[in-house]
PDB file of N, CA and C in Angstrom:
ATOM      1  N   UNK A   1    -212.969 -55.799-224.008  1.00  0.00           N
ATOM      2  CA  UNK A   1    -211.781 -56.221-224.700  1.00  0.00           C
ATOM      3  C   UNK A   1    -211.066 -57.305-223.885  1.00  0.00           C
ATOM      4  N   UNK A   2    -210.408 -58.171-224.592  1.00  0.00           N
ATOM      5  CA  UNK A   2    -209.691 -59.255-223.936  1.00  0.00           C
ATOM      6  C   UNK A   2    -208.324 -58.780-223.444  1.00  0.00           C
ATOM      7  N   UNK A   3    -207.825 -59.399-222.362  1.00  0.00           N
ATOM      8  CA  UNK A   3    -206.537 -58.990-221.804  1.00  0.00           C
ATOM      9  C   UNK A   3    -205.361 -59.157-222.759  1.00  0.00           C
ATOM     10  N   UNK A   4    -205.466 -60.034-223.731  1.00  0.00           N
ATOM     11  CA  UNK A   4    -204.344 -60.218-224.654  1.00  0.00           C
ATOM     12  C   UNK A   4    -204.108 -58.971-225.499  1.00  0.00           C
ATOM     13  N   UNK A   5    -205.119 -58.108-225.662  1.00  0.00           N
ATOM     14  CA  UNK A   5    -204.925 -56.836-226.359  1.00  0.00           C
ATOM     15  C   UNK A   5    -203.972 -55.937-225.580  1.00  0.00           C
ATOM     16  N   UNK A   6    -204.175 -55.849-224.274  1.00  0.00           N
ATOM     17  CA  UNK A   6    -203.298 -55.044-223.436  1.00  0.00           C
ATOM     18  C   UNK A   6    -201.884 -55.602-223.449  1.00  0.00           C
ATOM     19  N   UNK A   7    -201.757 -56.895-223.400  1.00  0.00           N
ATOM     20  CA  UNK A   7    -200.444 -57.524-223.441  1.00  0.00           C
ATOM     21  C   UNK A   7    -199.705 -57.171-224.727  1.00  0.00           C
ATOM     22  N   UNK A   8    -200.410 -57.218-225.834  1.00  0.00           N
ATOM     23  CA  UNK A   8    -199.784 -56.911-227.110  1.00  0.00           C
ATOM     24  C   UNK A   8    -199.376 -55.442-227.192  1.00  0.00           C
ATOM     25  N   UNK A   9    -200.217 -54.544-226.694  1.00  0.00           N
ATOM     26  CA  UNK A   9    -199.915 -53.119-226.742  1.00  0.00           C
ATOM     27  C   UNK A   9    -198.706 -52.801-225.860  1.00  0.00           C
ATOM     28  N   UNK A  10    -198.619 -53.426-224.703  1.00  0.00           N
ATOM     29  CA  UNK A  10    -197.454 -53.221-223.847  1.00  0.00           C
ATOM     30  C   UNK A  10    -196.172 -53.712-224.510  1.00  0.00           C
ATOM     31  N   UNK A  11    -196.271 -54.811-225.206  1.00  0.00           N
ATOM     32  CA  UNK A  11    -195.114 -55.332-225.937  1.00  0.00           C
ATOM     33  C   UNK A  11    -194.724 -54.378-227.060  1.00  0.00           C
ATOM     34  N   UNK A  12    -195.703 -53.877-227.789  1.00  0.00           N
ATOM     35  CA  UNK A  12    -195.425 -52.977-228.910  1.00  0.00           C
ATOM     36  C   UNK A  12    -194.787 -51.675-228.445  1.00  0.00           C
ATOM     37  N   UNK A  13    -195.313 -51.107-227.400  1.00  0.00           N
ATOM     38  CA  UNK A  13    -194.850 -49.797-226.962  1.00  0.00           C
ATOM     39  C   UNK A  13    -193.720 -49.812-225.959  1.00  0.00           C
ATOM     40  N   UNK A  14    -193.593 -50.874-225.203  1.00  0.00           N
ATOM     41  CA  UNK A  14    -192.591 -50.890-224.139  1.00  0.00           C
ATOM     42  C   UNK A  14    -191.357 -51.697-224.447  1.00  0.00           C
ATOM     43  N   UNK A  15    -191.541 -52.948-224.725  1.00  0.00           N
ATOM     44  CA  UNK A  15    -190.401 -53.840-224.890  1.00  0.00           C
ATOM     45  C   UNK A  15    -189.596 -53.520-226.138  1.00  0.00           C
ATOM     46  N   UNK A  16    -190.270 -53.275-227.240  1.00  0.00           N
ATOM     47  CA  UNK A  16    -189.548 -53.040-228.489  1.00  0.00           C
ATOM     48  C   UNK A  16    -188.843 -51.692-228.517  1.00  0.00           C
ATOM     49  N   UNK A  17    -189.371 -50.701-227.835  1.00  0.00           N
ATOM     50  CA  UNK A  17    -188.726 -49.388-227.852  1.00  0.00           C
ATOM     51  C   UNK A  17    -187.692 -49.216-226.749  1.00  0.00           C
ATOM     52  N   UNK A  18    -187.607 -50.145-225.830  1.00  0.00           N
ATOM     53  CA  UNK A  18    -186.679 -49.971-224.713  1.00  0.00           C
ATOM     54  C   UNK A  18    -185.216 -49.971-225.141  1.00  0.00           C
ATOM     55  N   UNK A  19    -184.891 -50.648-226.213  1.00  0.00           N
ATOM     56  CA  UNK A  19    -183.494 -50.666-226.647  1.00  0.00           C
ATOM     57  C   UNK A  19    -183.067 -49.338-227.266  1.00  0.00           C
ATOM     58  N   UNK A  20    -184.008 -48.450-227.540  1.00  0.00           N
ATOM     59  CA  UNK A  20    -183.685 -47.147-228.120  1.00  0.00           C
ATOM     60  C   UNK A  20    -183.481 -46.063-227.075  1.00  0.00           C
ATOM     61  N   UNK A  21    -183.763 -46.363-225.821  1.00  0.00           N
ATOM     62  CA  UNK A  21    -183.639 -45.375-224.746  1.00  0.00           C
ATOM     63  C   UNK A  21    -182.327 -45.643-224.015  1.00  0.00           C
ATOM     64  N   UNK A  22    -181.394 -44.697-224.029  1.00  0.00           N
ATOM     65  CA  UNK A  22    -180.051 -44.961-223.489  1.00  0.00           C
ATOM     66  C   UNK A  22    -180.017 -45.297-222.004  1.00  0.00           C
ATOM     67  N   UNK A  23    -180.884 -44.708-221.185  1.00  0.00           N
ATOM     68  CA  UNK A  23    -180.832 -44.945-219.746  1.00  0.00           C
ATOM     69  C   UNK A  23    -181.685 -46.135-219.317  1.00  0.00           C
ATOM     70  N   UNK A  24    -182.296 -46.808-220.254  1.00  0.00           N
ATOM     71  CA  UNK A  24    -183.061 -48.014-219.964  1.00  0.00           C
ATOM     72  C   UNK A  24    -182.111 -49.209-219.985  1.00  0.00           C
ATOM     73  N   UNK A  25    -182.523 -50.311-219.406  1.00  0.00           N
ATOM     74  CA  UNK A  25    -181.636 -51.485-219.360  1.00  0.00           C
ATOM     75  C   UNK A  25    -181.325 -52.003-220.764  1.00  0.00           C
ATOM     76  N   UNK A  26    -182.285 -51.937-221.693  1.00  0.00           N
ATOM     77  CA  UNK A  26    -182.023 -52.394-223.055  1.00  0.00           C
ATOM     78  C   UNK A  26    -180.985 -51.544-223.757  1.00  0.00           C
ATOM     79  N   UNK A  27    -181.139 -50.225-223.673  1.00  0.00           N
ATOM     80  CA  UNK A  27    -180.175 -49.322-224.291  1.00  0.00           C
ATOM     81  C   UNK A  27    -178.815 -49.385-223.637  1.00  0.00           C
ATOM     82  N   UNK A  28    -178.775 -49.509-222.310  1.00  0.00           N
ATOM     83  CA  UNK A  28    -177.496 -49.621-221.594  1.00  0.00           C
ATOM     84  C   UNK A  28    -176.782 -50.911-221.964  1.00  0.00           C
ATOM     85  N   UNK A  29    -177.543 -51.993-222.135  1.00  0.00           N
ATOM     86  CA  UNK A  29    -176.930 -53.267-222.535  1.00  0.00           C
ATOM     87  C   UNK A  29    -176.321 -53.156-223.924  1.00  0.00           C
ATOM     88  N   UNK A  30    -177.053 -52.546-224.856  1.00  0.00           N
ATOM     89  CA  UNK A  30    -176.518 -52.383-226.215  1.00  0.00           C
ATOM     90  C   UNK A  30    -175.256 -51.524-226.206  1.00  0.00           C
ATOM     91  N   UNK A  31    -175.283 -50.489-225.411  1.00  0.00           N
ATOM     92  CA  UNK A  31    -174.143 -49.586-225.353  1.00  0.00           C
ATOM     93  C   UNK A  31    -172.932 -50.291-224.742  1.00  0.00           C
ATOM     94  N   UNK A  32    -173.157 -51.024-223.649  1.00  0.00           N
ATOM     95  CA  UNK A  32    -172.051 -51.711-222.985  1.00  0.00           C
ATOM     96  C   UNK A  32    -171.525 -52.886-223.800  1.00  0.00           C
ATOM     97  N   UNK A  33    -172.400 -53.613-224.458  1.00  0.00           N
ATOM     98  CA  UNK A  33    -171.987 -54.798-225.204  1.00  0.00           C
ATOM     99  C   UNK A  33    -171.387 -54.440-226.557  1.00  0.00           C
ATOM    100  N   UNK A  34    -172.072 -53.591-227.296  1.00  0.00           N
ATOM    101  CA  UNK A  34    -171.639 -53.271-228.652  1.00  0.00           C
ATOM    102  C   UNK A  34    -170.801 -52.004-228.742  1.00  0.00           C
ATOM    103  N   UNK A  35    -170.884 -51.170-227.715  1.00  0.00           N
ATOM    104  CA  UNK A  35    -170.167 -49.904-227.744  1.00  0.00           C
ATOM    105  C   UNK A  35    -170.800 -48.890-228.689  1.00  0.00           C
ATOM    106  N   UNK A  36    -172.073 -49.084-228.991  1.00  0.00           N
ATOM    107  CA  UNK A  36    -172.788 -48.195-229.910  1.00  0.00           C
ATOM    108  C   UNK A  36    -173.874 -47.473-229.131  1.00  0.00           C
ATOM    109  N   UNK A  37    -173.877 -46.171-229.217  1.00  0.00           N
ATOM    110  CA  UNK A  37    -174.895 -45.380-228.550  1.00  0.00           C
ATOM    111  C   UNK A  37    -176.250 -45.611-229.235  1.00  0.00           C
ATOM    112  N   UNK A  38    -177.342 -45.747-228.470  1.00  0.00           N
ATOM    113  CA  UNK A  38    -178.645 -46.075-229.060  1.00  0.00           C
ATOM    114  C   UNK A  38    -179.104 -45.136-230.168  1.00  0.00           C
ATOM    115  N   UNK A  39    -178.782 -43.857-230.073  1.00  0.00           N
ATOM    116  CA  UNK A  39    -179.218 -42.939-231.124  1.00  0.00           C
ATOM    117  C   UNK A  39    -178.475 -43.192-232.429  1.00  0.00           C
ATOM    118  N   UNK A  40    -177.334 -43.854-232.361  1.00  0.00           N
ATOM    119  CA  UNK A  40    -176.575 -44.156-233.576  1.00  0.00           C
ATOM    120  C   UNK A  40    -177.239 -45.269-234.383  1.00  0.00           C
ATOM    121  N   UNK A  41    -177.837 -46.254-233.713  1.00  0.00           N
ATOM    122  CA  UNK A  41    -178.487 -47.340-234.451  1.00  0.00           C
ATOM    123  C   UNK A  41    -179.999 -47.154-234.577  1.00  0.00           C
ATOM    124  N   UNK A  42    -180.539 -46.088-234.044  1.00  0.00           N
ATOM    125  CA  UNK A  42    -181.986 -45.838-234.126  1.00  0.00           C
ATOM    126  C   UNK A  42    -182.503 -45.759-235.570  1.00  0.00           C
ATOM    127  N   UNK A  43    -181.791 -45.123-236.505  1.00  0.00           N
ATOM    128  CA  UNK A  43    -182.318 -45.087-237.882  1.00  0.00           C
ATOM    129  C   UNK A  43    -182.427 -46.470-238.537  1.00  0.00           C
ATOM    130  N   UNK A  44    -181.722 -47.449-237.994  1.00  0.00           N
ATOM    131  CA  UNK A  44    -181.744 -48.790-238.566  1.00  0.00           C
ATOM    132  C   UNK A  44    -182.704 -49.734-237.838  1.00  0.00           C
ATOM    133  N   UNK A  45    -183.327 -49.262-236.787  1.00  0.00           N
ATOM    134  CA  UNK A  45    -184.237 -50.087-235.977  1.00  0.00           C
ATOM    135  C   UNK A  45    -185.669 -49.891-236.481  1.00  0.00           C
ATOM    136  N   UNK A  46    -185.939 -50.391-237.678  1.00  0.00           N
ATOM    137  CA  UNK A  46    -187.241 -50.177-238.301  1.00  0.00           C
ATOM    138  C   UNK A  46    -188.384 -50.776-237.481  1.00  0.00           C
ATOM    139  N   UNK A  47    -188.227 -52.010-237.042  1.00  0.00           N
ATOM    140  CA  UNK A  47    -189.286 -52.671-236.277  1.00  0.00           C
ATOM    141  C   UNK A  47    -189.581 -51.907-234.994  1.00  0.00           C
ATOM    142  N   UNK A  48    -188.546 -51.472-234.316  1.00  0.00           N
ATOM    143  CA  UNK A  48    -188.714 -50.784-233.040  1.00  0.00           C
ATOM    144  C   UNK A  48    -189.438 -49.447-233.205  1.00  0.00           C
ATOM    145  N   UNK A  49    -189.252 -48.794-234.323  1.00  0.00           N
ATOM    146  CA  UNK A  49    -189.857 -47.483-234.538  1.00  0.00           C
ATOM    147  C   UNK A  49    -191.244 -47.563-235.174  1.00  0.00           C
ATOM    148  N   UNK A  50    -191.458 -48.510-236.047  1.00  0.00           N
ATOM    149  CA  UNK A  50    -192.720 -48.590-236.787  1.00  0.00           C
ATOM    150  C   UNK A  50    -193.793 -49.351-236.017  1.00  0.00           C
ATOM    151  N   UNK A  51    -193.402 -50.320-235.218  1.00  0.00           N
ATOM    152  CA  UNK A  51    -194.380 -51.165-234.530  1.00  0.00           C
ATOM    153  C   UNK A  51    -195.322 -50.381-233.607  1.00  0.00           C
ATOM    154  N   UNK A  52    -194.863 -49.415-232.797  1.00  0.00           N
ATOM    155  CA  UNK A  52    -195.829 -48.650-231.992  1.00  0.00           C
ATOM    156  C   UNK A  52    -196.813 -47.855-232.851  1.00  0.00           C
ATOM    157  N   UNK A  53    -196.368 -47.372-234.000  1.00  0.00           N
ATOM    158  CA  UNK A  53    -197.271 -46.630-234.880  1.00  0.00           C
ATOM    159  C   UNK A  53    -198.353 -47.540-235.450  1.00  0.00           C
ATOM    160  N   UNK A  54    -197.973 -48.743-235.820  1.00  0.00           N
ATOM    161  CA  UNK A  54    -198.951 -49.710-236.320  1.00  0.00           C
ATOM    162  C   UNK A  54    -199.927 -50.100-235.216  1.00  0.00           C
ATOM    163  N   UNK A  55    -199.435 -50.227-234.001  1.00  0.00           N
ATOM    164  CA  UNK A  55    -200.301 -50.552-232.868  1.00  0.00           C
ATOM    165  C   UNK A  55    -201.335 -49.450-232.631  1.00  0.00           C
ATOM    166  N   UNK A  56    -200.919 -48.199-232.766  1.00  0.00           N
ATOM    167  CA  UNK A  56    -201.859 -47.081-232.624  1.00  0.00           C
ATOM    168  C   UNK A  56    -202.900 -47.129-233.738  1.00  0.00           C
ATOM    169  N   UNK A  57    -202.468 -47.409-234.947  1.00  0.00           N
ATOM    170  CA  UNK A  57    -203.389 -47.534-236.074  1.00  0.00           C
ATOM    171  C   UNK A  57    -204.409 -48.636-235.816  1.00  0.00           C
ATOM    172  N   UNK A  58    -203.949 -49.784-235.329  1.00  0.00           N
ATOM    173  CA  UNK A  58    -204.862 -50.883-235.011  1.00  0.00           C
ATOM    174  C   UNK A  58    -205.852 -50.480-233.922  1.00  0.00           C
ATOM    175  N   UNK A  59    -205.389 -49.706-232.946  1.00  0.00           N
ATOM    176  CA  UNK A  59    -206.282 -49.266-231.878  1.00  0.00           C
ATOM    177  C   UNK A  59    -207.395 -48.358-232.383  1.00  0.00           C
ATOM    178  N   UNK A  60    -207.050 -47.438-233.256  1.00  0.00           N
ATOM    179  CA  UNK A  60    -208.057 -46.523-233.806  1.00  0.00           C
ATOM    180  C   UNK A  60    -209.024 -47.220-234.744  1.00  0.00           C
ATOM    181  N   UNK A  61    -208.532 -48.149-235.531  1.00  0.00           N
ATOM    182  CA  UNK A  61    -209.403 -48.811-236.503  1.00  0.00           C
ATOM    183  C   UNK A  61    -210.138 -50.011-235.921  1.00  0.00           C
ATOM    184  N   UNK A  62    -209.594 -50.608-234.858  1.00  0.00           N
ATOM    185  CA  UNK A  62    -210.221 -51.778-234.253  1.00  0.00           C
ATOM    186  C   UNK A  62    -209.778 -53.097-234.874  1.00  0.00           C
ATOM    187  N   UNK A  63    -208.858 -53.038-235.844  1.00  0.00           N
ATOM    188  CA  UNK A  63    -208.343 -54.277-236.432  1.00  0.00           C
ATOM    189  C   UNK A  63    -207.602 -55.058-235.360  1.00  0.00           C
ATOM    190  N   UNK A  64    -207.730 -56.339-235.383  1.00  0.00           N
ATOM    191  CA  UNK A  64    -207.050 -57.303-234.493  1.00  0.00           C
ATOM    192  C   UNK A  64    -207.389 -57.115-233.016  1.00  0.00           C
ATOM    193  N   UNK A  65    -208.358 -56.274-232.688  1.00  0.00           N
ATOM    194  CA  UNK A  65    -208.764 -56.099-231.294  1.00  0.00           C
ATOM    195  C   UNK A  65    -209.877 -57.081-230.987  1.00  0.00           C
ATOM    196  N   UNK A  66    -209.555 -58.087-230.213  1.00  0.00           N
ATOM    197  CA  UNK A  66    -210.553 -59.101-229.889  1.00  0.00           C
ATOM    198  C   UNK A  66    -211.401 -58.641-228.713  1.00  0.00           C
ATOM    199  N   UNK A  67    -212.689 -58.830-228.862  1.00  0.00           N
ATOM    200  CA  UNK A  67    -213.632 -58.465-227.810  1.00  0.00           C
ATOM    201  C   UNK A  67    -214.310 -59.722-227.292  1.00  0.00           C
ATOM    202  N   UNK A  68    -214.787 -59.632-226.060  1.00  0.00           N
ATOM    203  CA  UNK A  68    -215.527 -60.742-225.483  1.00  0.00           C
ATOM    204  C   UNK A  68    -216.877 -60.865-226.180  1.00  0.00           C
ATOM    205  N   UNK A  69    -217.325 -62.088-226.366  1.00  0.00           N
ATOM    206  CA  UNK A  69    -218.675 -62.299-226.881  1.00  0.00           C
ATOM    207  C   UNK A  69    -219.666 -62.087-225.739  1.00  0.00           C
ATOM    208  N   UNK A  70    -220.938 -61.992-226.084  1.00  0.00           N
ATOM    209  CA  UNK A  70    -221.964 -61.795-225.055  1.00  0.00           C
ATOM    210  C   UNK A  70    -221.985 -62.957-224.070  1.00  0.00           C
ATOM    211  N   UNK A  71    -221.770 -64.166-224.558  1.00  0.00           N
ATOM    212  CA  UNK A  71    -221.757 -65.343-223.686  1.00  0.00           C
ATOM    213  C   UNK A  71    -220.577 -65.297-222.712  1.00  0.00           C
ATOM    214  N   UNK A  72    -219.414 -64.876-223.211  1.00  0.00           N
ATOM    215  CA  UNK A  72    -218.243 -64.782-222.338  1.00  0.00           C
ATOM    216  C   UNK A  72    -218.434 -63.697-221.285  1.00  0.00           C
ATOM    217  N   UNK A  73    -219.049 -62.576-221.658  1.00  0.00           N
ATOM    218  CA  UNK A  73    -219.316 -61.519-220.686  1.00  0.00           C
ATOM    219  C   UNK A  73    -220.276 -61.984-219.602  1.00  0.00           C
ATOM    220  N   UNK A  74    -221.304 -62.729-219.984  1.00  0.00           N
ATOM    221  CA  UNK A  74    -222.251 -63.262-219.005  1.00  0.00           C
ATOM    222  C   UNK A  74    -221.552 -64.233-218.049  1.00  0.00           C
ATOM    223  N   UNK A  75    -220.664 -65.051-218.577  1.00  0.00           N
ATOM    224  CA  UNK A  75    -219.915 -66.002-217.746  1.00  0.00           C
ATOM    225  C   UNK A  75    -219.012 -65.260-216.754  1.00  0.00           C
ATOM    226  N   UNK A  76    -218.365 -64.216-217.199  1.00  0.00           N
ATOM    227  CA  UNK A  76    -217.500 -63.419-216.324  1.00  0.00           C
ATOM    228  C   UNK A  76    -218.317 -62.756-215.234  1.00  0.00           C
ATOM    229  N   UNK A  77    -219.469 -62.189-215.588  1.00  0.00           N
ATOM    230  CA  UNK A  77    -220.331 -61.547-214.608  1.00  0.00           C
ATOM    231  C   UNK A  77    -220.863 -62.542-213.585  1.00  0.00           C
ATOM    232  N   UNK A  78    -221.173 -63.763-214.023  1.00  0.00           N
ATOM    233  CA  UNK A  78    -221.661 -64.759-213.087  1.00  0.00           C
ATOM    234  C   UNK A  78    -220.559 -65.207-212.122  1.00  0.00           C
ATOM    235  N   UNK A  79    -219.334 -65.236-212.581  1.00  0.00           N
ATOM    236  CA  UNK A  79    -218.215 -65.595-211.702  1.00  0.00           C
ATOM    237  C   UNK A  79    -217.967 -64.493-210.672  1.00  0.00           C
ATOM    238  N   UNK A  80    -218.184 -63.247-211.059  1.00  0.00           N
ATOM    239  CA  UNK A  80    -218.006 -62.139-210.117  1.00  0.00           C
ATOM    240  C   UNK A  80    -219.032 -62.190-208.999  1.00  0.00           C
ATOM    241  N   UNK A  81    -220.234 -62.634-209.308  1.00  0.00           N
ATOM    242  CA  UNK A  81    -221.303 -62.698-208.310  1.00  0.00           C
ATOM    243  C   UNK A  81    -221.065 -63.826-207.305  1.00  0.00           C
ATOM    244  N   UNK A  82    -220.408 -64.871-207.750  1.00  0.00           N
ATOM    245  CA  UNK A  82    -220.201 -66.040-206.863  1.00  0.00           C
ATOM    246  C   UNK A  82    -219.128 -65.816-205.865  1.00  0.00           C
TER     247      UNK A  82
END
């Protein structure tokens, strides 16, 4: 699998959900700036809640998961030997 898959999964599961956790910097910023506790706006954060579920679905089905071609794998292996 290509590294961009890991990057996308980290974004889906980490960055987008961080604003929903009160003791995280995202949730603390929302609370301090807006004066709204994260659990109060959680029902309205559709993207933040649904995106990790879609990412899990993509992982199980293999949709949008890019893999290295045989030529790219051979090139990577040859670079490791050098």
